[in-house]
Amino acid sequence: MKTLKFKTNINCGNCLAKVTPKLNEQSGIESWSVDLEDPERTLTVETTELGPDDIKKAVLKAGFLANVK
């Protein structure tokens, strides 16, 4: 299991609601969370199979950006 961390522009609960289906449907993600209290809105993903580009693409499908920290 590896932990990937990303700086995002997911700013609020409504943003989180838009990205949730995209991350939940992505196979290979064991768990994920976004820290909305963090100024960088850090997305943390636990995965065994996926790389950073896979996560960035899933977030982009929801209309948001994710940059590897």
Protein backbone atom coordinates (compact mmCIF):
# COMPACT_ATOMS: atom_id res chain seq x y z
CA MET A 1 0.00 0.00 0.00
CA LYS A 2 1.29 3.44 -0.85
CA THR A 3 0.05 6.84 0.21
CA LEU A 4 -0.13 9.61 -2.40
CA LYS A 5 -0.65 13.25 -1.44
CA PHE A 6 -1.82 16.06 -3.70
CA LYS A 7 -2.41 19.79 -3.42
CA THR A 8 -5.89 20.47 -4.86
CA ASN A 9 -8.36 23.26 -5.57
CA ILE A 10 -11.22 21.33 -3.90
CA ASN A 11 -12.43 24.16 -1.65
CA CYS A 12 -15.72 23.19 -0.04
CA GLY A 13 -18.30 20.51 0.59
CA ASN A 14 -19.95 21.10 -2.79
CA CYS A 15 -16.60 20.62 -4.52
CA LEU A 16 -16.08 17.47 -2.51
CA ALA A 17 -19.51 16.20 -3.59
CA LYS A 18 -18.48 16.63 -7.25
CA VAL A 19 -15.18 14.78 -6.92
CA THR A 20 -16.47 11.95 -4.69
CA PRO A 21 -18.14 9.88 -7.46
CA LYS A 22 -15.05 10.13 -9.68
CA LEU A 23 -12.69 8.93 -6.96
CA ASN A 24 -15.11 6.27 -5.71
CA GLU A 25 -15.49 4.78 -9.21
CA GLN A 26 -11.72 4.66 -9.76
CA SER A 27 -10.64 1.06 -9.24
CA GLY A 28 -7.44 0.64 -7.27
CA ILE A 29 -8.19 3.29 -4.63
CA GLU A 30 -8.43 1.69 -1.19
CA SER A 31 -9.36 4.95 0.56
CA TRP A 32 -9.10 8.70 0.08
CA SER A 33 -9.80 11.94 1.92
CA VAL A 34 -9.51 15.69 1.42
CA ASP A 35 -8.47 17.97 4.28
CA LEU A 36 -10.58 21.09 3.70
CA GLU A 37 -8.99 22.77 6.75
CA ASP A 38 -5.53 22.58 5.17
CA PRO A 39 -4.68 25.68 3.08
CA GLU A 40 -3.45 23.34 0.32
CA ARG A 41 -6.67 21.25 0.47
CA THR A 42 -4.59 18.10 0.63
CA LEU A 43 -5.98 14.99 -1.03
CA THR A 44 -4.58 11.79 0.48
CA VAL A 45 -5.06 8.54 -1.44
CA GLU A 46 -4.24 5.00 -0.30
CA THR A 47 -3.60 2.67 -3.24
CA THR A 48 -1.68 -0.44 -4.18
CA GLU A 49 -2.02 -0.15 -7.95
CA LEU A 50 -2.34 3.45 -9.08
CA GLY A 51 0.21 6.14 -9.76
CA PRO A 52 -0.05 9.91 -9.36
CA ASP A 53 -1.18 10.43 -12.97
CA ASP A 54 -4.14 8.08 -12.48
CA ILE A 55 -5.36 10.11 -9.50
CA LYS A 56 -4.79 13.43 -11.26
CA LYS A 57 -6.91 12.23 -14.21
CA ALA A 58 -9.76 11.11 -11.93
CA VAL A 59 -9.78 14.49 -10.14
CA LEU A 60 -9.60 16.35 -13.46
CA LYS A 61 -12.69 14.46 -14.70
CA ALA A 62 -14.58 16.15 -11.86
CA GLY A 63 -13.25 19.56 -12.93
CA PHE A 64 -10.53 20.00 -10.31
CA LEU A 65 -6.74 20.06 -10.23
CA ALA A 66 -4.42 17.84 -8.20
CA ASN A 67 -0.68 18.38 -8.04
CA VAL A 68 1.68 15.94 -6.37
CA LYS A 69 3.07 17.29 -3.10
